[in-house]
Protein backbone atom coordinates (compact mmCIF):
# COMPACT_ATOMS: atom_id res chain seq x y z
CA MET A 1 0.76 1.80 -34.97
CA ALA A 2 1.38 5.38 -33.80
CA THR A 3 -0.67 7.90 -31.85
CA PHE A 4 -1.67 11.08 -33.71
CA LYS A 5 -2.96 14.38 -32.40
CA TYR A 6 -5.52 15.73 -34.81
CA GLN A 7 -7.87 18.63 -35.51
CA ALA A 8 -11.06 17.93 -37.42
CA ILE A 9 -14.49 19.42 -38.14
CA ASN A 10 -17.73 17.65 -37.38
CA GLN A 11 -20.97 17.92 -39.36
CA ASN A 12 -21.98 21.02 -37.38
CA GLY A 13 -18.79 22.87 -38.27
CA GLN A 14 -17.29 22.56 -34.78
CA VAL A 15 -13.54 22.04 -34.44
CA ILE A 16 -12.75 18.78 -32.66
CA ARG A 17 -9.31 18.00 -31.20
CA GLY A 18 -8.24 14.57 -30.08
CA ARG A 19 -5.82 11.67 -30.27
CA ILE A 20 -6.19 8.45 -32.17
CA ASP A 21 -4.07 5.45 -33.14
CA ALA A 22 -3.33 4.88 -36.83
CA ASN A 23 -0.76 3.13 -39.00
CA ASN A 24 -0.07 6.17 -41.21
CA ARG A 25 -1.57 9.42 -42.49
CA GLN A 26 -3.96 7.66 -44.90
CA ASP A 27 -5.12 5.31 -42.18
CA LEU A 28 -5.60 8.31 -39.90
CA GLU A 29 -7.83 10.07 -42.43
CA ARG A 30 -9.89 6.91 -42.84
CA ARG A 31 -10.30 6.42 -39.10
CA VAL A 32 -11.22 10.07 -38.46
CA GLY A 33 -13.69 9.91 -41.36
CA ARG A 34 -15.41 6.93 -39.76
CA LEU A 35 -15.91 9.07 -36.68
CA GLY A 36 -17.97 11.46 -38.82
CA LEU A 37 -15.20 14.07 -38.91
CA SER A 38 -13.25 15.87 -41.63
CA LEU A 39 -9.52 16.00 -40.90
CA ILE A 40 -7.89 19.46 -40.85
CA SER A 41 -4.40 18.75 -39.52
CA ALA A 42 -2.52 16.08 -37.60
CA ASN A 43 0.90 15.30 -36.21
CA GLU A 44 2.32 12.30 -34.42
CA ALA A 45 2.18 12.49 -30.64
CA GLY A 46 5.15 11.83 -28.33
CA SER A 47 5.84 8.76 -26.24
CA ARG A 48 3.00 6.32 -26.06
CA PHE A 49 2.16 3.42 -23.83
CA GLY A 50 -0.43 0.91 -24.99
CA GLY A 51 -2.23 3.39 -27.23
CA LEU A 52 -2.21 6.21 -24.67
CA SER A 53 0.03 9.24 -24.88
CA LEU A 54 2.40 9.88 -22.01
CA PHE A 55 0.53 13.04 -20.99
CA GLN A 56 -2.96 11.85 -21.85
CA LYS A 57 -5.52 11.29 -19.15
CA SER A 58 -5.64 7.64 -18.14
CA VAL A 59 -8.72 5.46 -17.98
CA THR A 60 -9.86 4.74 -14.42
CA ARG A 61 -11.24 1.45 -13.16
CA ASP A 62 -14.61 3.05 -12.56
CA GLU A 63 -14.74 4.19 -16.19
CA LEU A 64 -13.83 0.69 -17.36
CA ALA A 65 -16.61 -0.75 -15.20
CA GLN A 66 -19.11 1.72 -16.65
CA PHE A 67 -17.90 0.81 -20.15
CA CYS A 68 -18.62 -2.86 -19.45
CA PHE A 69 -22.05 -2.17 -17.99
CA TYR A 70 -23.06 0.10 -20.90
CA VAL A 71 -21.99 -2.38 -23.58
CA GLU A 72 -23.58 -5.28 -21.66
CA ARG A 73 -26.94 -3.52 -21.44
CA LEU A 74 -26.92 -2.61 -25.12
CA VAL A 75 -25.86 -6.09 -26.28
CA ASN A 76 -28.36 -7.72 -23.91
CA GLY A 77 -31.05 -5.45 -25.36
CA GLY A 78 -30.36 -6.74 -28.87
CA VAL A 79 -28.34 -3.76 -30.10
CA PRO A 80 -25.56 -4.83 -32.53
CA LEU A 81 -22.08 -4.64 -31.02
CA LEU A 82 -20.78 -1.91 -33.34
CA GLU A 83 -23.82 0.27 -32.73
CA GLY A 84 -23.50 -0.26 -29.01
CA LEU A 85 -19.82 0.66 -29.04
CA SER A 86 -20.61 3.76 -31.10
CA ASP A 87 -23.18 4.85 -28.52
CA VAL A 88 -20.63 4.32 -25.75
CA ARG A 89 -17.99 6.28 -27.68
CA ASP A 90 -20.34 9.22 -28.07
CA SER A 91 -21.37 9.21 -24.39
CA VAL A 92 -18.11 8.81 -22.45
CA ALA A 93 -16.54 11.96 -21.05
CA ASN A 94 -12.92 10.78 -20.86
CA PRO A 95 -11.24 11.60 -24.22
CA ALA A 96 -8.70 8.79 -23.72
CA LEU A 97 -11.43 6.17 -23.44
CA ARG A 98 -13.42 7.79 -26.23
CA ASN A 99 -10.47 7.55 -28.61
CA ILE A 100 -9.74 3.95 -27.57
CA VAL A 101 -13.34 2.93 -28.19
CA GLY A 102 -13.16 4.69 -31.56
CA VAL A 103 -10.09 2.66 -32.53
CA ILE A 104 -11.78 -0.55 -31.31
CA ILE A 105 -14.78 0.18 -33.53
CA GLN A 106 -12.55 0.70 -36.55
CA ASP A 107 -10.61 -2.51 -35.87
CA ILE A 108 -13.85 -4.49 -35.60
CA GLU A 109 -15.09 -2.95 -38.85
CA GLN A 110 -11.88 -4.16 -40.50
CA GLY A 111 -12.58 -7.73 -39.43
CA SER A 112 -11.11 -8.05 -35.93
CA THR A 113 -13.06 -9.58 -33.08
CA MET A 114 -13.65 -7.45 -29.99
CA SER A 115 -11.03 -9.36 -28.00
CA GLN A 116 -8.47 -8.88 -30.79
CA ALA A 117 -9.24 -5.16 -30.85
CA LEU A 118 -8.85 -4.92 -27.07
CA LYS A 119 -5.39 -6.52 -27.27
CA GLN A 120 -4.12 -3.39 -29.02
CA HIS A 121 -4.58 -1.46 -25.75
CA PRO A 122 -2.85 -3.55 -23.04
CA LYS A 123 -2.47 -0.58 -20.69
CA CYS A 124 -6.23 -0.21 -20.60
CA PHE A 125 -7.42 -3.82 -20.86
CA ASP A 126 -5.44 -6.46 -18.97
CA GLU A 127 -5.06 -10.15 -19.81
CA VAL A 128 -7.97 -11.17 -17.57
CA PHE A 129 -10.28 -8.68 -19.28
CA ILE A 130 -9.28 -9.82 -22.77
CA SER A 131 -9.46 -13.54 -21.94
CA LEU A 132 -12.95 -13.19 -20.50
CA VAL A 133 -14.16 -11.25 -23.55
CA GLU A 134 -12.65 -13.89 -25.85
CA ALA A 135 -14.38 -16.65 -23.89
CA GLY A 136 -17.66 -14.70 -24.06
CA GLU A 137 -17.33 -14.39 -27.83
CA GLN A 138 -16.75 -18.11 -28.22
CA SER A 139 -19.64 -19.08 -25.94
CA GLY A 140 -22.05 -16.47 -27.29
CA GLU A 141 -22.53 -14.99 -23.81
CA LEU A 142 -20.64 -11.73 -24.26
CA ASP A 143 -23.27 -9.75 -22.34
CA THR A 144 -22.97 -12.02 -19.29
CA VAL A 145 -19.19 -11.91 -19.41
CA LEU A 146 -19.14 -8.10 -19.67
CA ARG A 147 -21.44 -7.85 -16.66
CA ASN A 148 -19.12 -10.14 -14.69
CA ILE A 149 -16.09 -8.10 -15.75
CA GLY A 150 -17.76 -4.89 -14.59
CA GLU A 151 -18.60 -6.46 -11.23
CA ASN A 152 -15.04 -7.77 -10.97
CA ILE A 153 -13.59 -4.30 -11.57
CA LYS A 154 -15.86 -2.88 -8.87
CA TRP A 155 -14.70 -5.64 -6.55
CA GLN A 156 -11.06 -4.80 -7.34
CA ASP A 157 -11.76 -1.27 -6.15
CA GLU A 158 -13.01 -2.70 -2.87
CA ILE A 159 -9.83 -4.78 -2.54
CA ILE A 160 -7.67 -1.70 -3.10
CA LYS A 161 -9.68 0.22 -0.51
CA LYS A 162 -9.20 -2.63 1.97
CA THR A 163 -5.46 -2.63 1.33
CA LYS A 164 -5.26 1.13 1.84
CA LYS A 165 -7.33 0.78 4.98
CA SER A 166 -4.94 -1.82 6.35
CA LEU A 167 -1.97 0.49 5.71
CA ARG A 168 -3.53 3.81 6.69
CA TYR A 169 -3.46 3.41 10.45
CA PRO A 170 0.13 2.11 10.82
CA MET A 171 1.38 4.81 8.47
CA PHE A 172 -0.45 7.42 10.52
CA GLY A 173 0.96 5.95 13.72
CA LEU A 174 4.48 5.94 12.30
CA ALA A 175 4.06 9.57 11.26
CA VAL A 176 2.89 10.48 14.77
CA ILE A 177 5.89 8.74 16.35
CA LEU A 178 8.36 10.43 13.98
CA LEU A 179 6.74 13.84 14.50
CA ALA A 180 6.76 13.43 18.27
CA THR A 181 10.39 12.31 18.23
CA TRP A 182 11.45 15.19 16.00
CA SER A 183 9.56 17.75 18.12
CA LEU A 184 11.01 16.49 21.38
CA MET A 185 14.57 16.20 20.08
CA THR A 186 14.52 19.52 18.26
CA PHE A 187 12.66 21.82 20.66
CA VAL A 188 12.22 20.24 24.11
CA VAL A 189 15.45 18.37 24.82
CA PRO A 190 17.91 21.17 23.82
CA GLY A 191 16.24 23.57 26.26
CA MET A 192 16.40 21.04 29.08
CA VAL A 193 20.05 20.27 28.29
CA ARG A 194 20.89 23.98 28.55
CA ILE A 195 19.29 24.03 32.00
CA LEU A 196 21.42 21.06 33.11
CA LYS A 197 24.60 22.71 31.83
CA SER A 198 23.72 26.01 33.49
CA LEU A 199 23.55 24.21 36.82
CA GLY A 200 27.11 23.00 36.35
CA ARG A 201 26.32 19.32 35.95
CA GLU A 202 29.32 17.85 34.10
CA GLU A 203 28.92 14.09 34.45
CA LEU A 204 25.65 12.74 33.08
CA PRO A 205 24.21 9.21 33.00
CA PHE A 206 24.77 7.25 29.80
CA TYR A 207 21.07 7.38 28.89
CA THR A 208 21.17 11.18 29.14
CA GLU A 209 24.27 11.28 26.95
CA TRP A 210 22.46 9.14 24.38
CA LEU A 211 19.49 11.48 24.48
CA ILE A 212 21.71 14.52 23.91
CA ALA A 213 23.48 12.78 21.00
CA THR A 214 20.12 11.86 19.48
CA SER A 215 18.90 15.43 19.89
CA ASP A 216 22.05 16.80 18.23
CA PHE A 217 21.58 14.38 15.36
CA PHE A 218 17.98 15.45 14.75
CA ALA A 219 18.88 19.13 15.02
CA GLU A 220 22.05 19.16 12.90
CA GLN A 221 22.32 15.96 10.86
CA TRP A 222 18.72 15.00 10.02
CA TYR A 223 19.56 15.08 6.32
CA TYR A 224 21.80 12.02 6.81
CA ALA A 225 18.80 10.03 8.03
CA MET A 226 16.78 11.26 5.07
CA GLY A 227 19.58 10.28 2.69
CA ILE A 228 19.90 6.83 4.26
CA ALA A 229 16.14 6.24 3.94
CA VAL A 230 16.13 7.31 0.29
CA GLY A 231 19.25 5.24 -0.39
CA ILE A 232 17.70 2.11 1.13
CA TYR A 233 14.57 2.62 -0.99
CA VAL A 234 16.55 3.10 -4.22
CA ILE A 235 18.83 0.14 -3.49
CA THR A 236 15.80 -2.06 -2.81
CA ILE A 237 14.11 -1.08 -6.08
CA VAL A 238 17.31 -1.60 -8.10
CA ALA A 239 18.02 -4.93 -6.39
CA MET A 240 14.51 -6.21 -7.16
CA LYS A 241 15.05 -5.44 -10.85
CA THR A 242 18.63 -6.64 -11.21
CA ILE A 243 19.34 -9.39 -8.65
CA PRO A 244 17.79 -12.77 -9.54
CA GLY A 245 15.36 -13.89 -6.86
CA ALA A 246 15.24 -10.52 -5.05
CA ASP A 247 11.67 -9.80 -6.16
CA TYR A 248 10.66 -13.32 -5.13
CA PHE A 249 12.19 -12.77 -1.67
CA MET A 250 10.42 -9.41 -1.22
CA ASP A 251 7.08 -10.85 -2.32
CA LYS A 252 7.56 -13.70 0.14
CA MET A 253 8.37 -11.28 2.96
CA SER A 254 5.31 -9.16 2.13
CA ILE A 255 3.01 -11.98 3.24
CA ARG A 256 5.26 -13.11 6.11
CA VAL A 257 5.69 -9.72 7.77
CA PRO A 258 4.14 -9.71 11.26
CA ILE A 259 0.56 -8.47 11.67
CA PHE A 260 -0.05 -7.25 8.11
CA GLY A 261 1.35 -10.17 6.15
CA THR A 262 -1.79 -12.16 6.90
CA VAL A 263 -3.94 -9.36 5.48
CA PHE A 264 -1.98 -9.22 2.23
CA GLU A 265 -2.01 -13.00 1.85
CA LYS A 266 -5.79 -13.24 2.28
CA LEU A 267 -6.36 -10.41 -0.18
CA LEU A 268 -4.12 -12.18 -2.71
CA MET A 269 -5.99 -15.47 -2.27
CA SER A 270 -9.32 -13.69 -2.59
CA ARG A 271 -8.24 -12.08 -5.86
CA PHE A 272 -6.95 -15.41 -7.20
CA ALA A 273 -10.20 -17.23 -6.37
CA ASN A 274 -12.28 -14.46 -7.93
CA VAL A 275 -10.28 -14.26 -11.18
CA PHE A 276 -9.95 -18.03 -11.62
CA GLY A 277 -13.64 -18.54 -10.85
CA LEU A 278 -14.66 -15.97 -13.47
CA LEU A 279 -12.35 -17.47 -16.10
CA TYR A 280 -13.46 -21.03 -15.39
CA GLY A 281 -17.13 -20.03 -15.42
CA ALA A 282 -16.65 -18.25 -18.75
CA GLY A 283 -15.31 -21.43 -20.35
CA VAL A 284 -11.55 -20.87 -20.15
CA SER A 285 -9.67 -24.12 -19.59
CA VAL A 286 -8.33 -24.93 -16.13
CA ILE A 287 -4.67 -24.63 -17.16
CA ASP A 288 -5.15 -21.35 -19.05
CA GLY A 289 -7.31 -19.97 -16.25
CA LEU A 290 -4.69 -20.78 -13.63
CA LYS A 291 -1.93 -19.20 -15.73
CA ILE A 292 -3.90 -16.00 -16.25
CA ALA A 293 -4.99 -15.83 -12.60
CA ARG A 294 -1.40 -16.45 -11.49
CA GLY A 295 -0.18 -13.53 -13.61
CA ALA A 296 -2.91 -11.25 -12.27
CA LEU A 297 -1.68 -11.59 -8.67
CA GLY A 298 1.60 -9.72 -9.02
CA ASN A 299 3.28 -11.83 -6.33
CA LYS A 300 6.16 -14.09 -7.40
CA PHE A 301 6.05 -16.24 -4.26
CA VAL A 302 2.36 -17.16 -4.63
CA ALA A 303 2.83 -17.47 -8.40
CA LYS A 304 5.54 -20.11 -7.87
CA GLY A 305 3.17 -22.10 -5.70
CA LEU A 306 0.56 -21.93 -8.45
CA ASP A 307 3.18 -23.07 -10.98
CA GLY A 308 3.36 -26.30 -9.01
CA VAL A 309 -0.44 -26.60 -9.15
CA ILE A 310 -0.38 -26.16 -12.93
CA ASP A 311 2.37 -28.78 -13.34
CA ARG A 312 0.52 -31.33 -11.21
CA ILE A 313 -2.75 -30.80 -13.08
CA SER A 314 -0.89 -31.13 -16.39
CA ASN A 315 0.43 -34.50 -15.16
CA GLY A 316 -3.06 -35.77 -14.37
CA THR A 317 -3.48 -34.86 -10.69
CA SER A 318 -6.94 -33.66 -9.72
CA LEU A 319 -7.61 -29.98 -9.04
CA SER A 320 -8.27 -30.46 -5.32
CA ASP A 321 -5.18 -32.66 -4.78
CA SER A 322 -3.00 -30.18 -6.69
CA PHE A 323 -4.17 -27.31 -4.51
CA ARG A 324 -3.68 -29.40 -1.37
CA GLU A 325 -0.07 -30.22 -2.26
CA SER A 326 0.68 -26.54 -2.91
CA GLY A 327 0.22 -25.69 0.77
CA LEU A 328 -1.37 -22.36 -0.12
CA PHE A 329 -4.89 -23.11 1.09
CA PRO A 330 -6.35 -24.19 4.46
CA PRO A 331 -8.40 -27.41 4.82
CA LEU A 332 -11.78 -25.62 4.67
CA VAL A 333 -10.94 -24.08 1.30
CA LEU A 334 -9.65 -27.42 0.00
CA ARG A 335 -12.95 -29.05 0.95
CA MET A 336 -14.81 -26.35 -1.00
CA ILE A 337 -12.63 -27.03 -4.05
CA ARG A 338 -13.15 -30.80 -3.74
CA LEU A 339 -16.91 -30.33 -3.45
CA GLY A 340 -16.97 -28.04 -6.47
CA GLU A 341 -14.90 -30.50 -8.44
CA THR A 342 -17.26 -33.34 -7.54
CA THR A 343 -20.45 -31.43 -8.38
CA GLY A 344 -19.08 -29.66 -11.46
CA GLY A 345 -19.37 -26.25 -9.83
CA VAL A 346 -15.74 -25.20 -9.52
CA ASP A 347 -16.60 -21.61 -10.51
CA GLN A 348 -19.20 -21.37 -7.74
CA ALA A 349 -16.78 -22.94 -5.28
CA MET A 350 -14.21 -20.30 -6.18
CA LEU A 351 -16.72 -17.52 -5.60
CA GLN A 352 -17.49 -19.02 -2.17
CA ILE A 353 -13.76 -19.13 -1.47
CA LYS A 354 -13.51 -15.47 -2.47
CA GLY A 355 -16.24 -14.66 0.06
CA TYR A 356 -14.41 -16.71 2.68
CA TYR A 357 -11.17 -14.80 2.15
CA ASP A 358 -12.99 -11.46 1.99
CA ARG A 359 -14.47 -12.07 5.43
CA ASP A 360 -11.13 -13.28 6.75
CA ALA A 361 -9.37 -10.23 5.29
CA ASN A 362 -11.81 -7.88 7.00
CA GLU A 363 -11.27 -9.64 10.30
CA ALA A 364 -7.50 -9.59 9.78
CA ILE A 365 -7.58 -5.85 9.07
CA ASP A 366 -9.54 -5.22 12.28
CA THR A 367 -7.15 -7.46 14.22
CA ALA A 368 -4.09 -5.73 12.75
CA GLN A 369 -5.43 -2.30 13.60
CA GLY A 370 -6.25 -3.48 17.12
CA ALA A 371 -2.71 -4.83 17.49
CA ILE A 372 -0.91 -1.81 16.09
CA GLN A 373 -2.64 0.69 18.37
CA PRO A 374 -1.01 -0.52 21.63
CA ILE A 375 2.33 -0.76 19.82
CA ILE A 376 2.08 2.90 18.85
CA MET A 377 1.04 3.89 22.37
CA LEU A 378 3.89 1.84 23.85
CA ALA A 379 6.44 3.46 21.52
CA LEU A 380 5.25 6.94 22.48
CA ALA A 381 5.28 6.01 26.18
CA VAL A 382 8.85 4.66 25.94
CA LEU A 383 9.97 7.81 24.15
CA LEU A 384 8.41 10.11 26.75
CA CYS A 385 9.77 8.04 29.64
CA TRP A 386 13.26 8.19 28.13
CA VAL A 387 13.10 11.98 27.89
CA ILE A 388 11.68 12.39 31.37
CA VAL A 389 14.16 10.03 33.07
CA ALA A 390 17.17 11.26 31.06
CA VAL A 391 16.47 14.94 31.77
CA TYR A 392 14.60 15.21 35.01
CA GLY A 393 16.66 12.50 36.76
CA PRO A 394 19.97 14.42 36.58
CA LEU A 395 18.10 17.69 37.12
CA TYR A 396 16.52 16.37 40.33
CA ASP A 397 19.86 15.01 41.56
CA THR A 398 21.56 18.36 40.93
CA LEU A 399 18.86 20.39 42.65
CA SER A 400 18.78 18.01 45.65
CA LYS A 401 22.53 18.44 46.12
CA VAL A 402 22.17 22.21 45.95
CA GLY A 403 19.48 22.08 48.64
């Protein structure tokens, strides 16, 4: 299936331009006709990714959430699915989403289920989204599932905001330290060094010599540092894609790094509990739910631990014992899982676990920010003390000898 750029006329004589997926020219004319348009001209678009052109506006998470809420309200109100999707298509402002919904409508009209139609757009609808819709179709509770998906997307936005919040302050602090270092080494230190040399001071303490060398480096060879930083970044990216186990090692280090590793780990566990709880509650089997939730994490180290959980459950071990042997969860969480398993409310237990990790993540973010602040202040203090001692110490000695 290719993506076509087309021009068409609607019933009011207005020229409409857009993009749409079709198998060939005849299929394109049929699909455009079902949109109530008369095709004028069309040509195949360039590179495409999951039904979206390379230069086409992407679909945001907020737009996906609104899509779910709109369809859920219409279906819950008794509106047939195709009519509801048509109303959504005509009301959305994003042309990318409008075209995708148009293609979904046409696929459903040709006999596909909604989940099958969504699978044609993997860049827009991920595996969790599609699996939940499929489970909703099988259980007859599509409206409930769509509402849960919309709430899950909104929750994902909150997770991303928390992650950015956890990174914002240390990145700002690092920028302040680098800016202060560059300013001192480029503008302040050279002037002070000239004063020392003008006083005839030839022998300088080693720490002053180091300061002068550092200042010269920042003033004349800063591009080497920039090149080294870029080189390390490129080498890391290439190594993660080419060296077996490199991505696993980096994912492991991301949750073991001091201060912020705890934040990332709790956010990962919160996302896992939320996704698995939604899948289990929608009727997806335990094994399939764990596999989908594992893939949604994007962390190879945690995913390997969940692989062990899946293997143990497949061999007959209970859910709570499998999680306990993985070593990924603390005793309190394991007790929640065991209670949910006993009462038949595993999905509710997972939602409670999500809340537990959400609270822990917020506390960890506050703790990390509280810990990083004195580190930043200490680094700035050490830098200033180095400059003061390295410059004013020899300057004071020289002036005292002159006196």
